[in-house]
PDB file of all heavy atoms in Angstrom:
ATOM      1  N   ARG A   1       0.810  -1.289  -0.054  1.00  0.00           N
ATOM      2  CA  ARG A   1       0.050  -0.048  -0.013  1.00  0.00           C
ATOM      3  C   ARG A   1       0.898   1.262  -0.020  1.00  0.00           C
ATOM      4  O   ARG A   1       0.497   2.292  -0.645  1.00  0.00           O
ATOM      5  CB  ARG A   1      -0.905   0.070   1.270  1.00  0.00           C
ATOM      6  CG  ARG A   1      -1.743  -1.266   1.450  1.00  0.00           C
ATOM      7  CD  ARG A   1      -2.651  -1.615   0.229  1.00  0.00           C
ATOM      8  NE  ARG A   1      -3.867  -0.814   0.278  1.00  0.00           N
ATOM      9  CZ  ARG A   1      -4.864  -0.893  -0.685  1.00  0.00           C
ATOM     10  NH1 ARG A   1      -4.876  -1.821  -1.603  1.00  0.00           N
ATOM     11  NH2 ARG A   1      -5.933  -0.117  -0.565  1.00  0.00           N
ATOM     12  N   GLN A   2       2.023   1.111   0.658  1.00  0.00           N
ATOM     13  CA  GLN A   2       2.852   2.341   0.731  1.00  0.00           C
ATOM     14  C   GLN A   2       3.523   2.544  -0.694  1.00  0.00           C
ATOM     15  O   GLN A   2       3.598   3.630  -1.207  1.00  0.00           O
ATOM     16  CB  GLN A   2       4.039   2.116   1.752  1.00  0.00           C
ATOM     17  CG  GLN A   2       4.955   3.334   1.900  1.00  0.00           C
ATOM     18  CD  GLN A   2       5.955   3.048   2.990  1.00  0.00           C
ATOM     19  OE1 GLN A   2       6.620   2.050   3.056  1.00  0.00           O
ATOM     20  NE2 GLN A   2       6.063   4.057   3.936  1.00  0.00           N
ATOM     21  N   TRP A   3       3.886   1.373  -1.278  1.00  0.00           N
ATOM     22  CA  TRP A   3       4.500   1.584  -2.546  1.00  0.00           C
ATOM     23  C   TRP A   3       3.550   2.074  -3.651  1.00  0.00           C
ATOM     24  O   TRP A   3       3.816   2.823  -4.521  1.00  0.00           O
ATOM     25  CB  TRP A   3       4.968   0.154  -3.105  1.00  0.00           C
ATOM     26  CG  TRP A   3       6.170  -0.384  -2.466  1.00  0.00           C
ATOM     27  CD1 TRP A   3       6.753   0.033  -1.313  1.00  0.00           C
ATOM     28  CD2 TRP A   3       6.848  -1.667  -2.786  1.00  0.00           C
ATOM     29  NE1 TRP A   3       7.843  -0.745  -0.982  1.00  0.00           N
ATOM     30  CE2 TRP A   3       7.910  -1.839  -1.813  1.00  0.00           C
ATOM     31  CE3 TRP A   3       6.697  -2.544  -3.806  1.00  0.00           C
ATOM     32  CZ2 TRP A   3       8.743  -2.833  -1.953  1.00  0.00           C
ATOM     33  CZ3 TRP A   3       7.570  -3.523  -3.936  1.00  0.00           C
ATOM     34  CH2 TRP A   3       8.634  -3.729  -2.957  1.00  0.00           C
ATOM     35  N   HIS A   4       2.237   1.755  -3.350  1.00  0.00           N
ATOM     36  CA  HIS A   4       1.212   2.124  -4.362  1.00  0.00           C
ATOM     37  C   HIS A   4       1.087   3.724  -4.245  1.00  0.00           C
ATOM     38  O   HIS A   4       0.843   4.290  -5.375  1.00  0.00           O
ATOM     39  CB  HIS A   4      -0.129   1.587  -3.888  1.00  0.00           C
ATOM     40  CG  HIS A   4      -1.264   1.794  -4.870  1.00  0.00           C
ATOM     41  ND1 HIS A   4      -2.497   2.423  -4.530  1.00  0.00           N
ATOM     42  CD2 HIS A   4      -1.343   1.552  -6.182  1.00  0.00           C
ATOM     43  CE1 HIS A   4      -3.261   2.448  -5.697  1.00  0.00           C
ATOM     44  NE2 HIS A   4      -2.585   1.933  -6.664  1.00  0.00           N
ATOM     45  N   GLU A   5       1.301   4.384  -3.192  1.00  0.00           N
ATOM     46  CA  GLU A   5       1.363   5.749  -3.080  1.00  0.00           C
ATOM     47  C   GLU A   5       2.428   6.340  -3.950  1.00  0.00           C
ATOM     48  O   GLU A   5       2.292   7.298  -4.648  1.00  0.00           O
ATOM     49  CB  GLU A   5       1.475   6.295  -1.664  1.00  0.00           C
ATOM     50  CG  GLU A   5       0.270   5.942  -0.754  1.00  0.00           C
ATOM     51  CD  GLU A   5       0.423   6.414   0.635  1.00  0.00           C
ATOM     52  OE1 GLU A   5       1.414   7.248   0.930  1.00  0.00           O
ATOM     53  OE2 GLU A   5      -0.303   6.077   1.546  1.00  0.00           O
ATOM     54  N   TRP A   6       3.592   5.652  -3.934  1.00  0.00           N
ATOM     55  CA  TRP A   6       4.806   6.138  -4.647  1.00  0.00           C
ATOM     56  C   TRP A   6       4.635   5.969  -6.154  1.00  0.00           C
ATOM     57  O   TRP A   6       4.985   6.764  -6.951  1.00  0.00           O
ATOM     58  CB  TRP A   6       6.072   5.482  -4.082  1.00  0.00           C
ATOM     59  CG  TRP A   6       6.288   5.698  -2.678  1.00  0.00           C
ATOM     60  CD1 TRP A   6       5.772   6.755  -1.918  1.00  0.00           C
ATOM     61  CD2 TRP A   6       7.174   4.933  -1.807  1.00  0.00           C
ATOM     62  NE1 TRP A   6       6.347   6.613  -0.648  1.00  0.00           N
ATOM     63  CE2 TRP A   6       7.153   5.546  -0.558  1.00  0.00           C
ATOM     64  CE3 TRP A   6       7.975   3.813  -2.029  1.00  0.00           C
ATOM     65  CZ2 TRP A   6       7.852   4.999   0.476  1.00  0.00           C
ATOM     66  CZ3 TRP A   6       8.684   3.271  -0.911  1.00  0.00           C
ATOM     67  CH2 TRP A   6       8.705   3.918   0.315  1.00  0.00           C
ATOM     68  N   THR A   7       4.008   4.830  -6.596  1.00  0.00           N
ATOM     69  CA  THR A   7       3.969   4.538  -7.941  1.00  0.00           C
ATOM     70  C   THR A   7       2.816   5.445  -8.602  1.00  0.00           C
ATOM     71  O   THR A   7       3.003   5.840  -9.737  1.00  0.00           O
ATOM     72  CB  THR A   7       3.655   3.087  -8.308  1.00  0.00           C
ATOM     73  OG1 THR A   7       2.396   2.700  -7.598  1.00  0.00           O
ATOM     74  CG2 THR A   7       4.744   2.176  -7.796  1.00  0.00           C
ATOM     75  N   THR A   8       1.752   5.716  -7.890  1.00  0.00           N
ATOM     76  CA  THR A   8       0.606   6.511  -8.498  1.00  0.00           C
ATOM     77  C   THR A   8       1.031   7.961  -8.547  1.00  0.00           C
ATOM     78  O   THR A   8       0.449   8.725  -9.397  1.00  0.00           O
ATOM     79  CB  THR A   8      -0.654   6.314  -7.627  1.00  0.00           C
ATOM     80  OG1 THR A   8      -0.408   6.736  -6.270  1.00  0.00           O
ATOM     81  CG2 THR A   8      -1.164   4.935  -7.811  1.00  0.00           C
ATOM     82  N   THR A   9       2.010   8.417  -7.763  1.00  0.00           N
ATOM     83  CA  THR A   9       2.521   9.724  -7.839  1.00  0.00           C
ATOM     84  C   THR A   9       3.725   9.893  -8.744  1.00  0.00           C
ATOM     85  O   THR A   9       4.109  11.013  -8.863  1.00  0.00           O
ATOM     86  CB  THR A   9       2.903  10.348  -6.408  1.00  0.00           C
ATOM     87  OG1 THR A   9       3.851   9.443  -5.829  1.00  0.00           O
ATOM     88  CG2 THR A   9       1.647  10.382  -5.464  1.00  0.00           C
ATOM     89  N   GLY A  10       4.049   8.849  -9.397  1.00  0.00           N
ATOM     90  CA  GLY A  10       5.062   8.899 -10.378  1.00  0.00           C
ATOM     91  C   GLY A  10       6.569   8.891  -9.792  1.00  0.00           C
ATOM     92  O   GLY A  10       7.487   9.279 -10.566  1.00  0.00           O
ATOM     93  N   ARG A  11       6.682   8.438  -8.611  1.00  0.00           N
ATOM     94  CA  ARG A  11       8.038   8.666  -7.946  1.00  0.00           C
ATOM     95  C   ARG A  11       9.045   7.724  -8.634  1.00  0.00           C
ATOM     96  O   ARG A  11      10.218   8.078  -8.728  1.00  0.00           O
ATOM     97  CB  ARG A  11       7.929   8.202  -6.518  1.00  0.00           C
ATOM     98  CG  ARG A  11       9.100   8.707  -5.642  1.00  0.00           C
ATOM     99  CD  ARG A  11       8.881   8.536  -4.163  1.00  0.00           C
ATOM    100  NE  ARG A  11      10.052   9.006  -3.493  1.00  0.00           N
ATOM    101  CZ  ARG A  11      10.267   8.781  -2.180  1.00  0.00           C
ATOM    102  NH1 ARG A  11       9.395   8.021  -1.484  1.00  0.00           N
ATOM    103  NH2 ARG A  11      11.373   9.360  -1.529  1.00  0.00           N
ATOM    104  N   LEU A  12       8.562   6.653  -9.198  1.00  0.00           N
ATOM    105  CA  LEU A  12       9.474   5.664  -9.901  1.00  0.00           C
ATOM    106  C   LEU A  12       9.519   6.012 -11.446  1.00  0.00           C
ATOM    107  O   LEU A  12      10.234   5.351 -12.140  1.00  0.00           O
ATOM    108  CB  LEU A  12       9.126   4.205  -9.763  1.00  0.00           C
ATOM    109  CG  LEU A  12       9.195   3.632  -8.353  1.00  0.00           C
ATOM    110  CD1 LEU A  12       8.693   2.217  -8.342  1.00  0.00           C
ATOM    111  CD2 LEU A  12      10.670   3.772  -7.916  1.00  0.00           C
ATOM    112  N   GLY A  13       8.747   6.943 -11.904  1.00  0.00           N
ATOM    113  CA  GLY A  13       8.639   7.134 -13.304  1.00  0.00           C
ATOM    114  C   GLY A  13       7.680   6.073 -13.898  1.00  0.00           C
ATOM    115  O   GLY A  13       6.842   5.588 -13.203  1.00  0.00           O
ATOM    116  N   ASP A  14       7.787   5.818 -15.168  1.00  0.00           N
ATOM    117  CA  ASP A  14       7.105   4.827 -15.894  1.00  0.00           C
ATOM    118  C   ASP A  14       7.684   3.456 -15.610  1.00  0.00           C
ATOM    119  O   ASP A  14       8.870   3.242 -15.903  1.00  0.00           O
ATOM    120  CB  ASP A  14       6.974   5.116 -17.368  1.00  0.00           C
ATOM    121  CG  ASP A  14       6.366   6.396 -17.753  1.00  0.00           C
ATOM    122  OD1 ASP A  14       5.380   6.725 -17.017  1.00  0.00           O
ATOM    123  OD2 ASP A  14       6.805   7.103 -18.772  1.00  0.00           O
ATOM    124  N   ILE A  15       6.801   2.531 -15.132  1.00  0.00           N
ATOM    125  CA  ILE A  15       7.362   1.176 -14.811  1.00  0.00           C
ATOM    126  C   ILE A  15       7.384   0.313 -16.085  1.00  0.00           C
ATOM    127  O   ILE A  15       6.391   0.259 -16.732  1.00  0.00           O
ATOM    128  CB  ILE A  15       6.446   0.588 -13.690  1.00  0.00           C
ATOM    129  CG1 ILE A  15       6.643   1.365 -12.420  1.00  0.00           C
ATOM    130  CG2 ILE A  15       6.968  -0.908 -13.535  1.00  0.00           C
ATOM    131  CD1 ILE A  15       5.673   0.925 -11.365  1.00  0.00           C
ATOM    132  N   PHE A  16       8.468  -0.158 -16.384  1.00  0.00           N
ATOM    133  CA  PHE A  16       8.693  -0.896 -17.658  1.00  0.00           C
ATOM    134  C   PHE A  16       8.951  -2.464 -17.387  1.00  0.00           C
ATOM    135  O   PHE A  16       8.793  -3.221 -18.346  1.00  0.00           O
ATOM    136  CB  PHE A  16       9.761  -0.303 -18.562  1.00  0.00           C
ATOM    137  CG  PHE A  16      11.109  -0.209 -17.979  1.00  0.00           C
ATOM    138  CD1 PHE A  16      11.973  -1.348 -17.908  1.00  0.00           C
ATOM    139  CD2 PHE A  16      11.508   0.998 -17.278  1.00  0.00           C
ATOM    140  CE1 PHE A  16      13.214  -1.177 -17.398  1.00  0.00           C
ATOM    141  CE2 PHE A  16      12.732   1.068 -16.712  1.00  0.00           C
ATOM    142  CZ  PHE A  16      13.631  -0.012 -16.711  1.00  0.00           C
ATOM    143  N   TYR A  17       9.336  -2.702 -16.205  1.00  0.00           N
ATOM    144  CA  TYR A  17       9.592  -4.103 -15.870  1.00  0.00           C
ATOM    145  C   TYR A  17       9.304  -4.412 -14.412  1.00  0.00           C
ATOM    146  O   TYR A  17       9.603  -3.559 -13.485  1.00  0.00           O
ATOM    147  CB  TYR A  17      11.007  -4.461 -16.107  1.00  0.00           C
ATOM    148  CG  TYR A  17      11.447  -5.855 -15.736  1.00  0.00           C
ATOM    149  CD1 TYR A  17      11.141  -6.942 -16.542  1.00  0.00           C
ATOM    150  CD2 TYR A  17      12.085  -6.163 -14.508  1.00  0.00           C
ATOM    151  CE1 TYR A  17      11.456  -8.238 -16.122  1.00  0.00           C
ATOM    152  CE2 TYR A  17      12.421  -7.376 -14.105  1.00  0.00           C
ATOM    153  CZ  TYR A  17      12.141  -8.444 -15.006  1.00  0.00           C
ATOM    154  OH  TYR A  17      12.391  -9.818 -14.576  1.00  0.00           O
ATOM    155  N   ALA A  18       8.679  -5.572 -14.089  1.00  0.00           N
ATOM    156  CA  ALA A  18       8.462  -5.983 -12.731  1.00  0.00           C
ATOM    157  C   ALA A  18       8.632  -7.437 -12.600  1.00  0.00           C
ATOM    158  O   ALA A  18       8.437  -8.242 -13.569  1.00  0.00           O
ATOM    159  CB  ALA A  18       7.108  -5.536 -12.314  1.00  0.00           C
ATOM    160  N   GLU A  19       8.970  -7.965 -11.493  1.00  0.00           N
ATOM    161  CA  GLU A  19       9.002  -9.405 -11.201  1.00  0.00           C
ATOM    162  C   GLU A  19       8.607  -9.745  -9.841  1.00  0.00           C
ATOM    163  O   GLU A  19       8.583  -8.922  -8.905  1.00  0.00           O
ATOM    164  CB  GLU A  19      10.444  -9.904 -11.448  1.00  0.00           C
ATOM    165  CG  GLU A  19      11.517  -9.317 -10.515  1.00  0.00           C
ATOM    166  CD  GLU A  19      12.859  -9.996 -10.887  1.00  0.00           C
ATOM    167  OE1 GLU A  19      13.412  -9.460 -11.945  1.00  0.00           O
ATOM    168  OE2 GLU A  19      13.373 -10.808 -10.170  1.00  0.00           O
ATOM    169  N   ALA A  20       8.208 -10.947  -9.631  1.00  0.00           N
ATOM    170  CA  ALA A  20       7.832 -11.455  -8.341  1.00  0.00           C
ATOM    171  C   ALA A  20       8.092 -12.917  -8.213  1.00  0.00           C
ATOM    172  O   ALA A  20       8.120 -13.593  -9.262  1.00  0.00           O
ATOM    173  CB  ALA A  20       6.288 -11.300  -8.110  1.00  0.00           C
ATOM    174  N   GLU A  21       8.390 -13.402  -7.055  1.00  0.00           N
ATOM    175  CA  GLU A  21       8.634 -14.768  -6.744  1.00  0.00           C
ATOM    176  C   GLU A  21       7.806 -15.087  -5.503  1.00  0.00           C
ATOM    177  O   GLU A  21       7.812 -14.378  -4.519  1.00  0.00           O
ATOM    178  CB  GLU A  21      10.105 -15.076  -6.447  1.00  0.00           C
ATOM    179  CG  GLU A  21      11.086 -14.732  -7.594  1.00  0.00           C
ATOM    180  CD  GLU A  21      12.478 -14.995  -7.288  1.00  0.00           C
ATOM    181  OE1 GLU A  21      12.807 -15.667  -6.338  1.00  0.00           O
ATOM    182  OE2 GLU A  21      13.351 -14.621  -8.091  1.00  0.00           O
ATOM    183  N   TYR A  22       7.251 -16.303  -5.658  1.00  0.00           N
ATOM    184  CA  TYR A  22       6.459 -16.812  -4.378  1.00  0.00           C
ATOM    185  C   TYR A  22       6.869 -18.285  -4.295  1.00  0.00           C
ATOM    186  O   TYR A  22       6.452 -19.123  -4.980  1.00  0.00           O
ATOM    187  CB  TYR A  22       4.978 -16.661  -4.661  1.00  0.00           C
ATOM    188  CG  TYR A  22       4.085 -17.219  -3.487  1.00  0.00           C
ATOM    189  CD1 TYR A  22       4.614 -17.319  -2.165  1.00  0.00           C
ATOM    190  CD2 TYR A  22       2.838 -17.754  -3.708  1.00  0.00           C
ATOM    191  CE1 TYR A  22       3.746 -17.869  -1.145  1.00  0.00           C
ATOM    192  CE2 TYR A  22       2.071 -18.305  -2.704  1.00  0.00           C
ATOM    193  CZ  TYR A  22       2.552 -18.297  -1.426  1.00  0.00           C
ATOM    194  OH  TYR A  22       1.800 -18.908  -0.383  1.00  0.00           O
ATOM    195  N   ILE A  23       7.752 -18.603  -3.352  1.00  0.00           N
ATOM    196  CA  ILE A  23       8.258 -19.896  -3.082  1.00  0.00           C
ATOM    197  C   ILE A  23       7.777 -20.358  -1.708  1.00  0.00           C
ATOM    198  O   ILE A  23       8.057 -19.734  -0.601  1.00  0.00           O
ATOM    199  CB  ILE A  23       9.779 -19.894  -3.118  1.00  0.00           C
ATOM    200  CG1 ILE A  23      10.288 -19.116  -4.238  1.00  0.00           C
ATOM    201  CG2 ILE A  23      10.294 -21.355  -3.002  1.00  0.00           C
ATOM    202  CD1 ILE A  23       9.971 -19.733  -5.613  1.00  0.00           C
ATOM    203  N   HIS A  24       6.974 -21.402  -1.611  1.00  0.00           N
ATOM    204  CA  HIS A  24       6.321 -21.817  -0.442  1.00  0.00           C
ATOM    205  C   HIS A  24       6.170 -23.332  -0.451  1.00  0.00           C
ATOM    206  O   HIS A  24       5.318 -23.867  -1.189  1.00  0.00           O
ATOM    207  CB  HIS A  24       4.895 -21.106  -0.217  1.00  0.00           C
ATOM    208  CG  HIS A  24       4.322 -21.299   1.041  1.00  0.00           C
ATOM    209  ND1 HIS A  24       2.963 -20.963   1.380  1.00  0.00           N
ATOM    210  CD2 HIS A  24       4.720 -21.964   2.209  1.00  0.00           C
ATOM    211  CE1 HIS A  24       2.827 -21.239   2.646  1.00  0.00           C
ATOM    212  NE2 HIS A  24       3.821 -21.822   3.206  1.00  0.00           N
ATOM    213  N   GLU A  25       7.012 -24.040   0.175  1.00  0.00           N
ATOM    214  CA  GLU A  25       7.095 -25.521   0.147  1.00  0.00           C
ATOM    215  C   GLU A  25       5.825 -26.072   0.941  1.00  0.00           C
ATOM    216  O   GLU A  25       5.610 -25.740   2.099  1.00  0.00           O
ATOM    217  CB  GLU A  25       8.239 -25.999   0.862  1.00  0.00           C
ATOM    218  CG  GLU A  25       8.572 -27.524   0.773  1.00  0.00           C
ATOM    219  CD  GLU A  25       8.142 -28.222   1.979  1.00  0.00           C
ATOM    220  OE1 GLU A  25       8.723 -28.054   3.027  1.00  0.00           O
ATOM    221  OE2 GLU A  25       7.075 -28.917   1.921  1.00  0.00           O
ATOM    222  N   LEU A  26       4.994 -26.753   0.193  1.00  0.00           N
ATOM    223  CA  LEU A  26       3.716 -27.305   0.681  1.00  0.00           C
ATOM    224  C   LEU A  26       3.507 -28.747   0.458  1.00  0.00           C
ATOM    225  O   LEU A  26       2.493 -29.290   0.093  1.00  0.00           O
ATOM    226  CB  LEU A  26       2.465 -26.544  -0.094  1.00  0.00           C
ATOM    227  CG  LEU A  26       2.401 -25.057   0.287  1.00  0.00           C
ATOM    228  CD1 LEU A  26       1.371 -24.471  -0.718  1.00  0.00           C
ATOM    229  CD2 LEU A  26       2.148 -24.768   1.703  1.00  0.00           C
ATOM    230  N   HIS A  27       4.639 -29.540   0.630  1.00  0.00           N
ATOM    231  CA  HIS A  27       4.612 -31.024   0.398  1.00  0.00           C
ATOM    232  C   HIS A  27       3.406 -31.651   1.094  1.00  0.00           C
ATOM    233  O   HIS A  27       2.732 -32.551   0.561  1.00  0.00           O
ATOM    234  CB  HIS A  27       5.914 -31.682   0.765  1.00  0.00           C
ATOM    235  CG  HIS A  27       7.073 -31.243  -0.138  1.00  0.00           C
ATOM    236  ND1 HIS A  27       8.217 -31.982  -0.239  1.00  0.00           N
ATOM    237  CD2 HIS A  27       7.209 -30.283  -0.957  1.00  0.00           C
ATOM    238  CE1 HIS A  27       9.086 -31.490  -0.994  1.00  0.00           C
ATOM    239  NE2 HIS A  27       8.491 -30.344  -1.477  1.00  0.00           N
ATOM    240  N   ASP A  28       3.200 -31.331   2.305  1.00  0.00           N
ATOM    241  CA  ASP A  28       2.217 -32.043   3.082  1.00  0.00           C
ATOM    242  C   ASP A  28       0.772 -31.597   2.716  1.00  0.00           C
ATOM    243  O   ASP A  28      -0.247 -32.219   3.183  1.00  0.00           O
ATOM    244  CB  ASP A  28       2.432 -31.665   4.658  1.00  0.00           C
ATOM    245  CG  ASP A  28       2.291 -30.246   4.956  1.00  0.00           C
ATOM    246  OD1 ASP A  28       2.391 -29.340   4.054  1.00  0.00           O
ATOM    247  OD2 ASP A  28       2.133 -29.844   6.189  1.00  0.00           O
ATOM    248  N   MET A  29       0.630 -30.541   1.807  1.00  0.00           N
ATOM    249  CA  MET A  29      -0.653 -30.221   1.346  1.00  0.00           C
ATOM    250  C   MET A  29      -0.861 -30.795  -0.131  1.00  0.00           C
ATOM    251  O   MET A  29      -1.855 -30.544  -0.687  1.00  0.00           O
ATOM    252  CB  MET A  29      -0.853 -28.673   1.314  1.00  0.00           C
ATOM    253  CG  MET A  29      -0.890 -28.095   2.625  1.00  0.00           C
ATOM    254  SD  MET A  29      -1.326 -26.325   2.622  1.00  0.00           S
ATOM    255  CE  MET A  29      -1.300 -25.856   4.403  1.00  0.00           C
ATOM    256  N   ILE A  30       0.151 -31.331  -0.585  1.00  0.00           N
ATOM    257  CA  ILE A  30       0.056 -32.082  -1.899  1.00  0.00           C
ATOM    258  C   ILE A  30      -0.216 -33.587  -1.800  1.00  0.00           C
ATOM    259  O   ILE A  30      -1.000 -34.167  -2.405  1.00  0.00           O
ATOM    260  CB  ILE A  30       1.359 -31.803  -2.725  1.00  0.00           C
ATOM    261  CG1 ILE A  30       1.442 -30.277  -3.149  1.00  0.00           C
ATOM    262  CG2 ILE A  30       1.324 -32.626  -3.993  1.00  0.00           C
ATOM    263  CD1 ILE A  30       2.666 -29.915  -3.744  1.00  0.00           C
ATOM    264  N   ARG A  31       0.634 -34.140  -0.710  1.00  0.00           N
ATOM    265  CA  ARG A  31       0.439 -35.608  -0.474  1.00  0.00           C
ATOM    266  C   ARG A  31       0.614 -35.910   0.974  1.00  0.00           C
ATOM    267  O   ARG A  31       1.452 -35.311   1.590  1.00  0.00           O
ATOM    268  CB  ARG A  31       1.428 -36.372  -1.311  1.00  0.00           C
ATOM    269  CG  ARG A  31       1.461 -37.814  -1.062  1.00  0.00           C
ATOM    270  CD  ARG A  31       2.537 -38.545  -1.794  1.00  0.00           C
ATOM    271  NE  ARG A  31       3.893 -38.149  -1.349  1.00  0.00           N
ATOM    272  CZ  ARG A  31       5.009 -38.588  -1.984  1.00  0.00           C
ATOM    273  NH1 ARG A  31       4.941 -39.447  -2.981  1.00  0.00           N
ATOM    274  NH2 ARG A  31       6.168 -38.137  -1.566  1.00  0.00           N
ATOM    275  N   ASN A  32      -0.096 -36.817   1.494  1.00  0.00           N
ATOM    276  CA  ASN A  32       0.070 -37.261   2.892  1.00  0.00           C
ATOM    277  C   ASN A  32       1.080 -38.464   2.712  1.00  0.00           C
ATOM    278  O   ASN A  32       0.818 -39.473   2.187  1.00  0.00           O
ATOM    279  CB  ASN A  32      -1.270 -37.884   3.462  1.00  0.00           C
ATOM    280  CG  ASN A  32      -1.039 -38.295   4.893  1.00  0.00           C
ATOM    281  OD1 ASN A  32      -0.090 -38.978   5.248  1.00  0.00           O
ATOM    282  ND2 ASN A  32      -2.041 -37.974   5.768  1.00  0.00           N
TER     283      ASN A  32
END
């Protein structure tokens, strides 16, 4: 939410690239 204030006011300029990673090991939710 804080970053949203910065991006909507143009603090970063025009965003041309973004990335995200979500790594969460869930073996026990895939198989018992």
